[in-house]
Amino acid sequence: MSADFQESMLRSFVPVEPESHFPLQNLPYGVFRRRSGGEARVGTAIGDYVLDLSVLEEQGLFQAAGLGQDGIFARPSLNRFMSMGRPVWQAVRATLQHLLREDVPTLRDNASLRRRALVPMSEVEMLLPVEIGDYTDFYSSREHATNVGTMFRGKDNALQPNWLWLPVGYHGRSSSIVVSGTPVRRPRGQLMPPGATQPVYGPSRLLDFELEMGFFVGTGNPLGEPIPVQEAPEHIFGFMLVNDWSARDIQKWEYVPLGPFLGKNFATSISPWVVTLEALEPFRVPGPEQDPEPLAYLRIENRWAFDIQLEVYLKTPRLEEPFRLCRTNFRYMYWNVCQQLAHHTVNGCNTRTGDLMASGTISGPTPDSYGSMLELAWRGEKPIQLPDGETRSFLQDGDSVIMTGYAQGEGYRIGFGEVEGTILPAGN
């Protein structure tokens, strides 16, 4: 019996539509606050509800998972829970799946407990789920790297000599990571206009999105002790959608010789729900063939890509409905998450609970699967035609970018919800 078939047999007493992102097979973690007031709490998503895990913890329902009544989930972040390691993560997930099953009466038949623990999503505010320590952004899509390299260096020199040998990355800025729904102000910086001899200061004119996936480090590694590639999954807590906003004109002028800085660190948006590695296990698939063969410290069985469908929508002030800009898949990533984490630590760099690693822009092989405006409009040379007659080469003030993604199982979906952000005009 396949793992996907076994998963498809699970049913909850909580109503869940077939196209819901949050069936019993998923159970992602997030941090929420009731709109009526109260403290931030850890919850899981089931159908159109948030299950308050602090209420279950108070009732001693996680004792089978090795947790007492220590307030692990009565906190404004997932960090304490994440630091406890994979055996605890797996035990809590198993407990939740048991309690929410349609044939288990513990929660189903306790009306008082249900009222306290199950909160309609419409009645909560989702918060940043993790206290994020460090943030690293990779550049792991061969299609994206080839497209960008072709634009600026020509087809014959699209990939830099190191690209096929290591997961290229840079350190980002964790202080400007925001949860979905947070507006993003257009950044200002130095720009070098075409044909000019000196830069000017002003708002970015080439503001872009980048469709990415990210993962949180659950348990880190001591300084000086790398994480072997085979052990990387033990350190990965879960995944989320990432929009790593990019000011292309600021970036183009500043990135030589040290790489991205102000063109990237003004905002990074993430989705509020963290989908666990266990939930995604049925959707692990082979990634692209890696040629040349990676060096020994990066070699791992080539089944660490994930079949996750990803879409980006644009909502302008004039459009009645969001317009789909692209559709792609996480399985296209050349360098996988295990290789990213192993490479990040191979020099002895220590990671810590709550560190965020993002994939870099995810682009597929066809023009409708490119994961940024830079590629979709090909550096502005092929503006995107919108249904109302407007065009876009880059983002304008008032535009909203909405990203979503899910893995399709047999009769169920493992979804990530959405990450959304609206562009505000530049400040003074």
Protein backbone atom coordinates (compact mmCIF):
# COMPACT_ATOMS: atom_id res chain seq x y z
CA MET A 1 0.00 0.00 0.00
CA SER A 2 1.53 3.36 -1.05
CA ALA A 3 2.19 6.11 1.48
CA ASP A 4 -0.06 8.43 -0.54
CA PHE A 5 -2.93 5.90 -0.47
CA GLN A 6 -2.52 5.42 3.28
CA GLU A 7 -2.60 9.18 3.77
CA SER A 8 -5.68 9.54 1.56
CA MET A 9 -7.63 7.27 3.93
CA LEU A 10 -7.34 9.72 6.85
CA ARG A 11 -10.51 11.69 7.64
CA SER A 12 -11.23 14.31 10.29
CA PHE A 13 -14.45 15.05 12.15
CA VAL A 14 -13.79 18.70 11.22
CA PRO A 15 -15.29 19.38 7.76
CA VAL A 16 -12.57 19.70 5.11
CA GLU A 17 -13.29 20.40 1.44
CA PRO A 18 -11.34 18.33 -1.14
CA GLU A 19 -9.50 21.44 -2.38
CA SER A 20 -8.72 22.73 1.10
CA HIS A 21 -5.03 23.32 1.78
CA PHE A 22 -5.41 22.03 5.32
CA PRO A 23 -6.71 18.46 5.59
CA LEU A 24 -5.79 16.00 8.33
CA GLN A 25 -2.81 14.91 6.23
CA ASN A 26 -1.22 18.36 6.52
CA LEU A 27 -1.51 19.95 10.01
CA PRO A 28 0.92 22.83 9.52
CA TYR A 29 2.00 24.98 12.46
CA GLY A 30 1.53 28.70 12.88
CA VAL A 31 1.12 31.45 15.47
CA PHE A 32 -2.18 33.28 15.81
CA ARG A 33 -4.03 35.76 17.95
CA ARG A 34 -7.81 35.93 18.29
CA ARG A 35 -9.18 39.14 16.80
CA SER A 36 -11.27 39.51 19.95
CA GLY A 37 -8.06 39.82 21.98
CA GLY A 38 -5.73 37.66 24.01
CA GLU A 39 -2.17 36.41 23.76
CA ALA A 40 -0.47 34.90 20.73
CA ARG A 41 -0.62 31.09 20.66
CA VAL A 42 0.66 28.21 18.56
CA GLY A 43 -1.97 26.50 16.43
CA THR A 44 -2.42 24.08 13.59
CA ALA A 45 -4.72 24.47 10.60
CA ILE A 46 -7.52 22.00 9.95
CA GLY A 47 -10.05 22.90 7.24
CA ASP A 48 -11.33 26.41 7.93
CA TYR A 49 -10.29 26.30 11.60
CA VAL A 50 -7.24 26.92 13.74
CA LEU A 51 -6.75 24.37 16.49
CA ASP A 52 -5.32 26.09 19.57
CA LEU A 53 -2.58 23.73 20.75
CA SER A 54 -2.18 25.53 24.05
CA VAL A 55 -5.71 24.45 25.01
CA LEU A 56 -4.90 20.80 24.27
CA GLU A 57 -1.65 21.13 26.18
CA GLU A 58 -3.49 22.50 29.23
CA GLN A 59 -5.69 19.39 29.14
CA GLY A 60 -2.64 17.10 29.18
CA LEU A 61 -3.43 15.69 25.73
CA PHE A 62 0.21 15.70 24.61
CA GLN A 63 1.47 13.42 27.38
CA ALA A 64 1.72 10.54 24.91
CA ALA A 65 4.06 12.75 22.86
CA GLY A 66 6.31 13.31 25.87
CA LEU A 67 5.05 16.82 26.65
CA GLY A 68 3.63 17.87 29.97
CA GLN A 69 1.83 21.11 30.72
CA ASP A 70 4.83 23.39 30.38
CA GLY A 71 3.28 25.97 28.07
CA ILE A 72 5.28 24.94 24.99
CA PHE A 73 2.39 26.11 22.80
CA ALA A 74 1.31 29.08 24.93
CA ARG A 75 4.02 31.17 23.28
CA PRO A 76 4.23 33.77 20.48
CA SER A 77 6.61 31.65 18.40
CA LEU A 78 7.34 28.07 17.39
CA ASN A 79 10.98 28.23 18.48
CA ARG A 80 10.72 26.29 21.74
CA PHE A 81 8.81 23.47 20.07
CA MET A 82 11.17 23.46 17.07
CA SER A 83 14.21 23.14 19.32
CA MET A 84 12.93 19.83 20.78
CA GLY A 85 13.89 17.75 17.73
CA ARG A 86 12.33 15.41 15.20
CA PRO A 87 11.14 12.64 17.59
CA VAL A 88 9.01 15.19 19.46
CA TRP A 89 7.77 16.79 16.22
CA GLN A 90 6.69 13.39 14.95
CA ALA A 91 5.03 12.43 18.23
CA VAL A 92 3.01 15.67 18.41
CA ARG A 93 1.92 15.29 14.79
CA ALA A 94 0.79 11.71 15.44
CA THR A 95 -1.15 12.86 18.51
CA LEU A 96 -2.89 15.61 16.55
CA GLN A 97 -3.82 13.27 13.72
CA HIS A 98 -5.28 10.87 16.28
CA LEU A 99 -7.29 13.52 18.16
CA LEU A 100 -8.75 14.97 14.95
CA ARG A 101 -9.76 11.67 13.35
CA GLU A 102 -13.44 11.20 12.64
CA ASP A 103 -13.61 8.00 14.73
CA VAL A 104 -11.87 9.34 17.89
CA PRO A 105 -14.29 10.84 20.44
CA THR A 106 -11.82 12.68 22.74
CA LEU A 107 -12.20 16.05 21.04
CA ARG A 108 -15.09 15.25 18.72
CA ASP A 109 -17.58 14.57 21.53
CA ASN A 110 -16.40 17.19 24.02
CA ALA A 111 -18.39 20.26 23.00
CA SER A 112 -16.84 22.52 25.64
CA LEU A 113 -13.30 21.60 24.66
CA ARG A 114 -14.10 21.98 20.96
CA ARG A 115 -15.45 25.50 21.51
CA ARG A 116 -12.26 26.52 23.32
CA ALA A 117 -9.82 24.81 20.98
CA LEU A 118 -11.28 25.18 17.46
CA VAL A 119 -11.33 28.79 16.28
CA PRO A 120 -12.66 29.81 12.84
CA MET A 121 -9.86 31.20 10.68
CA SER A 122 -12.00 34.28 10.05
CA GLU A 123 -11.66 35.12 13.75
CA VAL A 124 -7.86 35.04 14.01
CA GLU A 125 -4.90 37.16 12.96
CA MET A 126 -1.92 35.16 11.74
CA LEU A 127 1.48 36.32 12.99
CA LEU A 128 5.10 35.69 12.09
CA PRO A 129 5.42 32.04 13.17
CA VAL A 130 9.07 32.01 14.22
CA GLU A 131 11.60 34.28 15.89
CA ILE A 132 13.98 34.30 12.94
CA GLY A 133 17.66 34.47 13.76
CA ASP A 134 19.60 34.39 10.50
CA TYR A 135 18.37 34.37 6.92
CA THR A 136 20.14 32.89 3.92
CA ASP A 137 18.88 33.09 0.33
CA PHE A 138 20.13 30.60 -2.25
CA TYR A 139 20.19 30.78 -6.04
CA SER A 140 19.32 27.17 -6.81
CA SER A 141 17.11 27.20 -9.93
CA ARG A 142 19.17 26.44 -13.03
CA GLU A 143 16.47 27.89 -15.27
CA HIS A 144 16.37 31.15 -13.32
CA ALA A 145 20.15 31.47 -13.13
CA THR A 146 20.41 30.76 -16.86
CA ASN A 147 17.74 33.32 -17.74
CA VAL A 148 19.30 36.08 -15.66
CA GLY A 149 22.81 35.21 -16.83
CA THR A 150 21.69 35.26 -20.46
CA MET A 151 20.21 38.74 -20.03
CA PHE A 152 23.36 40.25 -18.59
CA ARG A 153 26.24 38.12 -19.91
CA GLY A 154 24.90 36.38 -23.00
CA LYS A 155 23.84 32.79 -23.60
CA ASP A 156 27.38 31.38 -23.76
CA ASN A 157 28.30 32.77 -20.33
CA ALA A 158 24.94 32.49 -18.58
CA LEU A 159 26.11 30.35 -15.65
CA GLN A 160 29.14 31.38 -13.64
CA PRO A 161 31.90 28.70 -13.42
CA ASN A 162 31.00 27.76 -9.82
CA TRP A 163 27.23 27.41 -10.30
CA LEU A 164 27.14 23.69 -11.18
CA TRP A 165 29.52 22.85 -8.31
CA LEU A 166 27.89 24.46 -5.28
CA PRO A 167 24.61 26.00 -4.06
CA VAL A 168 25.30 29.72 -4.47
CA GLY A 169 23.84 31.83 -1.67
CA TYR A 170 24.11 35.05 0.29
CA HIS A 171 23.15 36.20 3.78
CA GLY A 172 19.97 38.29 3.88
CA ARG A 173 18.38 40.42 6.56
CA SER A 174 16.08 38.75 9.11
CA SER A 175 14.79 42.02 10.63
CA SER A 176 12.78 42.83 7.49
CA ILE A 177 11.08 39.44 7.12
CA VAL A 178 7.32 39.97 7.44
CA VAL A 179 4.26 37.74 7.50
CA SER A 180 1.76 37.59 4.64
CA GLY A 181 -0.55 40.60 4.48
CA THR A 182 2.08 43.11 5.57
CA PRO A 183 2.34 46.00 3.04
CA VAL A 184 5.72 46.58 1.40
CA ARG A 185 6.96 50.12 0.88
CA ARG A 186 8.80 50.82 -2.37
CA PRO A 187 12.48 51.20 -1.46
CA ARG A 188 14.74 54.12 -2.25
CA GLY A 189 18.40 53.85 -3.12
CA GLN A 190 21.11 54.69 -5.62
CA LEU A 191 20.20 54.07 -9.27
CA MET A 192 22.34 54.37 -12.39
CA PRO A 193 20.05 55.53 -15.21
CA PRO A 194 20.85 54.19 -18.71
CA GLY A 195 23.48 56.37 -20.38
CA ALA A 196 24.20 58.37 -17.21
CA THR A 197 27.73 58.96 -15.89
CA GLN A 198 26.81 59.13 -12.21
CA PRO A 199 24.08 57.64 -10.03
CA VAL A 200 20.96 59.33 -8.73
CA TYR A 201 19.03 58.75 -5.51
CA GLY A 202 15.35 57.91 -5.63
CA PRO A 203 12.64 55.26 -5.49
CA SER A 204 13.19 51.97 -7.28
CA ARG A 205 11.58 51.90 -10.73
CA LEU A 206 12.16 48.18 -11.30
CA LEU A 207 10.47 46.60 -8.29
CA ASP A 208 10.01 42.84 -8.63
CA PHE A 209 8.84 39.73 -6.79
CA GLU A 210 10.72 36.44 -6.50
CA LEU A 211 8.76 33.20 -6.11
CA GLU A 212 10.59 31.02 -3.59
CA MET A 213 10.15 28.28 -1.02
CA GLY A 214 11.93 28.34 2.30
CA PHE A 215 12.59 26.06 5.26
CA PHE A 216 13.17 26.67 8.95
CA VAL A 217 16.02 25.04 10.82
CA GLY A 218 14.56 23.15 13.77
CA THR A 219 17.70 22.00 15.56
CA GLY A 220 21.01 23.60 14.66
CA ASN A 221 24.65 22.52 14.85
CA PRO A 222 27.54 23.61 17.09
CA LEU A 223 30.13 26.01 15.70
CA GLY A 224 32.81 24.04 13.88
CA GLU A 225 30.69 20.90 13.38
CA PRO A 226 29.14 20.72 9.88
CA ILE A 227 25.82 19.00 9.20
CA PRO A 228 26.46 16.00 6.92
CA VAL A 229 24.18 16.01 3.88
CA GLN A 230 22.63 12.68 4.91
CA GLU A 231 21.67 14.11 8.31
CA ALA A 232 20.21 17.36 6.98
CA PRO A 233 16.57 16.14 7.13
CA GLU A 234 16.87 15.73 10.91
CA HIS A 235 17.45 19.47 11.18
CA ILE A 236 14.67 20.70 8.84
CA PHE A 237 11.44 21.52 10.67
CA GLY A 238 9.19 22.65 7.84
CA PHE A 239 8.55 24.73 4.74
CA MET A 240 6.74 27.92 3.76
CA LEU A 241 6.21 30.19 0.74
CA VAL A 242 8.64 33.09 0.34
CA ASN A 243 8.44 36.27 -1.71
CA ASP A 244 11.91 37.78 -1.68
CA TRP A 245 11.08 41.22 -3.08
CA SER A 246 13.81 42.68 -5.26
CA ALA A 247 14.62 46.20 -6.47
CA ARG A 248 16.37 45.29 -9.70
CA ASP A 249 17.78 48.75 -10.46
CA ILE A 250 19.24 49.24 -6.98
CA GLN A 251 20.62 45.69 -7.07
CA LYS A 252 22.21 46.07 -10.50
CA TRP A 253 24.20 49.14 -9.43
CA GLU A 254 25.29 47.94 -5.99
CA TYR A 255 25.95 44.20 -6.29
CA VAL A 256 29.53 44.43 -7.66
CA PRO A 257 31.69 43.11 -6.06
CA LEU A 258 30.00 41.71 -2.93
CA GLY A 259 26.47 40.84 -4.04
CA PRO A 260 22.91 41.83 -3.01
CA PHE A 261 22.41 44.40 -0.28
CA LEU A 262 19.85 47.26 -0.29
CA GLY A 263 18.16 45.90 -3.40
CA LYS A 264 17.00 42.89 -1.38
CA ASN A 265 16.95 43.63 2.34
CA PHE A 266 14.00 46.04 2.46
CA ALA A 267 11.39 43.25 2.72
CA THR A 268 10.92 39.48 2.47
CA SER A 269 7.39 38.10 2.89
CA ILE A 270 6.59 34.59 4.13
CA SER A 271 3.36 32.61 4.46
CA PRO A 272 2.13 32.09 8.04
CA TRP A 273 1.79 28.29 8.02
CA VAL A 274 4.84 26.02 8.31
CA VAL A 275 4.27 22.68 6.55
CA THR A 276 6.27 19.86 8.08
CA LEU A 277 8.69 17.55 6.34
CA GLU A 278 6.49 14.62 7.40
CA ALA A 279 3.46 16.08 5.60
CA LEU A 280 5.50 16.46 2.41
CA GLU A 281 7.09 13.00 2.53
CA PRO A 282 4.64 11.45 -0.01
CA PHE A 283 5.61 14.17 -2.49
CA ARG A 284 9.38 13.70 -2.54
CA VAL A 285 10.52 13.12 -6.12
CA PRO A 286 13.79 12.99 -8.06
CA GLY A 287 15.24 16.36 -8.90
CA PRO A 288 17.10 17.36 -12.07
CA GLU A 289 20.13 15.26 -12.95
CA GLN A 290 23.25 16.87 -11.52
CA ASP A 291 26.13 16.90 -13.98
CA PRO A 292 28.96 17.13 -13.07
CA GLU A 293 28.53 14.86 -10.07
CA PRO A 294 28.69 16.97 -6.89
CA LEU A 295 31.66 16.75 -4.57
CA ALA A 296 31.40 14.02 -1.94
CA TYR A 297 30.03 16.25 0.86
CA LEU A 298 27.04 17.18 -1.37
CA ARG A 299 26.15 13.69 -2.62
CA ILE A 300 22.76 12.37 -1.54
CA GLU A 301 20.10 10.17 -3.09
CA ASN A 302 18.42 12.23 -5.79
CA ARG A 303 14.94 12.17 -4.24
CA TRP A 304 14.95 15.40 -2.29
CA ALA A 305 12.95 17.51 -4.69
CA PHE A 306 9.25 18.06 -3.90
CA ASP A 307 6.31 18.00 -6.30
CA ILE A 308 4.73 21.26 -5.16
CA GLN A 309 2.71 23.29 -7.66
CA LEU A 310 3.30 27.02 -7.31
CA GLU A 311 1.39 29.98 -8.73
CA VAL A 312 1.77 33.76 -8.64
CA TYR A 313 -1.13 36.17 -9.11
CA LEU A 314 -1.17 39.94 -9.62
CA LYS A 315 -4.03 42.12 -8.33
CA THR A 316 -3.90 45.72 -9.52
CA PRO A 317 -6.16 48.57 -8.34
CA ARG A 318 -8.11 48.23 -11.61
CA LEU A 319 -8.38 44.45 -11.93
CA GLU A 320 -11.55 42.90 -10.54
CA GLU A 321 -9.91 39.48 -10.08
CA PRO A 322 -6.26 38.51 -9.54
CA PHE A 323 -4.48 37.62 -12.78
CA ARG A 324 -2.22 34.57 -12.86
CA LEU A 325 1.28 35.55 -13.91
CA CYS A 326 3.00 32.17 -13.74
CA ARG A 327 2.76 28.55 -12.70
CA THR A 328 5.80 26.46 -11.83
CA ASN A 329 6.94 23.63 -9.52
CA PHE A 330 9.40 23.25 -6.67
CA ARG A 331 10.69 20.02 -8.26
CA TYR A 332 12.68 22.07 -10.78
CA MET A 333 15.24 23.12 -8.17
CA TYR A 334 18.74 21.96 -9.16
CA TRP A 335 20.23 22.11 -5.65
CA ASN A 336 17.98 20.50 -3.03
CA VAL A 337 17.38 21.49 0.59
CA CYS A 338 19.74 18.86 2.03
CA GLN A 339 22.57 20.08 -0.18
CA GLN A 340 21.83 23.69 0.74
CA LEU A 341 22.03 23.01 4.47
CA ALA A 342 25.12 20.80 4.15
CA HIS A 343 26.93 23.40 2.06
CA HIS A 344 25.91 26.21 4.41
CA THR A 345 27.60 24.44 7.34
CA VAL A 346 30.51 22.63 5.64
CA ASN A 347 32.93 25.35 6.75
CA GLY A 348 31.80 24.95 10.36
CA CYS A 349 29.14 27.66 10.30
CA ASN A 350 26.64 27.06 13.09
CA THR A 351 22.90 27.25 12.47
CA ARG A 352 20.29 27.82 15.15
CA THR A 353 16.63 27.12 15.79
CA GLY A 354 14.57 29.49 13.68
CA ASP A 355 17.13 30.19 10.96
CA LEU A 356 15.45 30.61 7.58
CA MET A 357 16.87 29.25 4.33
CA ALA A 358 15.18 30.28 1.08
CA SER A 359 15.52 28.52 -2.26
CA GLY A 360 16.06 31.46 -4.56
CA THR A 361 13.70 32.21 -7.43
CA ILE A 362 11.96 29.09 -8.76
CA SER A 363 11.64 29.12 -12.54
CA GLY A 364 10.62 26.31 -14.85
CA PRO A 365 11.56 25.53 -18.46
CA THR A 366 8.80 27.54 -20.20
CA PRO A 367 8.11 31.29 -20.26
CA ASP A 368 4.86 30.86 -18.31
CA SER A 369 6.78 29.13 -15.51
CA TYR A 370 9.29 31.91 -14.80
CA GLY A 371 9.27 33.04 -11.17
CA SER A 372 9.96 36.78 -11.45
CA MET A 373 8.84 39.81 -13.43
CA LEU A 374 12.41 40.23 -14.63
CA GLU A 375 12.02 36.97 -16.55
CA LEU A 376 8.30 37.07 -17.37
CA ALA A 377 8.66 40.49 -19.04
CA TRP A 378 12.25 39.69 -20.09
CA ARG A 379 13.95 42.75 -18.60
CA GLY A 380 11.00 44.93 -19.66
CA GLU A 381 11.35 44.08 -23.35
CA LYS A 382 8.12 41.99 -23.39
CA PRO A 383 5.56 43.71 -21.14
CA ILE A 384 2.87 41.48 -19.65
CA GLN A 385 -0.61 42.15 -21.04
CA LEU A 386 -3.30 42.27 -18.34
CA PRO A 387 -7.02 41.52 -18.94
CA ASP A 388 -8.06 45.17 -18.55
CA GLY A 389 -5.63 46.41 -21.21
CA GLU A 390 -2.92 47.55 -18.81
CA THR A 391 0.61 46.18 -19.06
CA ARG A 392 3.30 45.49 -16.50
CA SER A 393 7.05 45.14 -16.86
CA PHE A 394 7.65 45.66 -13.13
CA LEU A 395 5.43 46.30 -10.12
CA GLN A 396 3.58 49.58 -9.62
CA ASP A 397 2.31 51.20 -6.44
CA GLY A 398 -0.97 49.63 -5.35
CA ASP A 399 -0.19 46.27 -6.97
CA SER A 400 -0.65 43.17 -4.83
CA VAL A 401 1.33 39.98 -5.42
CA ILE A 402 -0.28 36.74 -4.22
CA MET A 403 1.64 33.45 -4.17
CA THR A 404 0.15 30.07 -3.40
CA GLY A 405 1.20 26.44 -3.61
CA TYR A 406 0.16 22.89 -2.84
CA ALA A 407 1.11 19.26 -3.34
CA GLN A 408 -1.74 17.20 -4.82
CA GLY A 409 -2.39 13.82 -3.22
CA GLU A 410 -5.02 11.18 -3.91
CA GLY A 411 -8.14 13.04 -2.89
CA TYR A 412 -6.39 15.63 -0.71
CA ARG A 413 -3.96 18.54 -0.90
CA ILE A 414 -1.04 19.57 1.24
CA GLY A 415 -1.24 23.34 0.89
CA PHE A 416 0.70 26.35 2.10
CA GLY A 417 -2.07 28.92 2.02
CA GLU A 418 -0.90 32.23 0.56
CA VAL A 419 1.76 34.87 0.91
CA GLU A 420 0.47 38.28 -0.13
CA GLY A 421 1.87 41.79 -0.12
CA THR A 422 0.77 45.15 -1.53
CA ILE A 423 3.19 47.80 -2.75
CA LEU A 424 2.99 51.18 -1.00
CA PRO A 425 4.54 54.34 -2.48
CA ALA A 426 8.10 55.20 -1.47
CA GLY A 427 8.47 57.31 1.66
CA ASN A 428 10.26 60.64 1.83
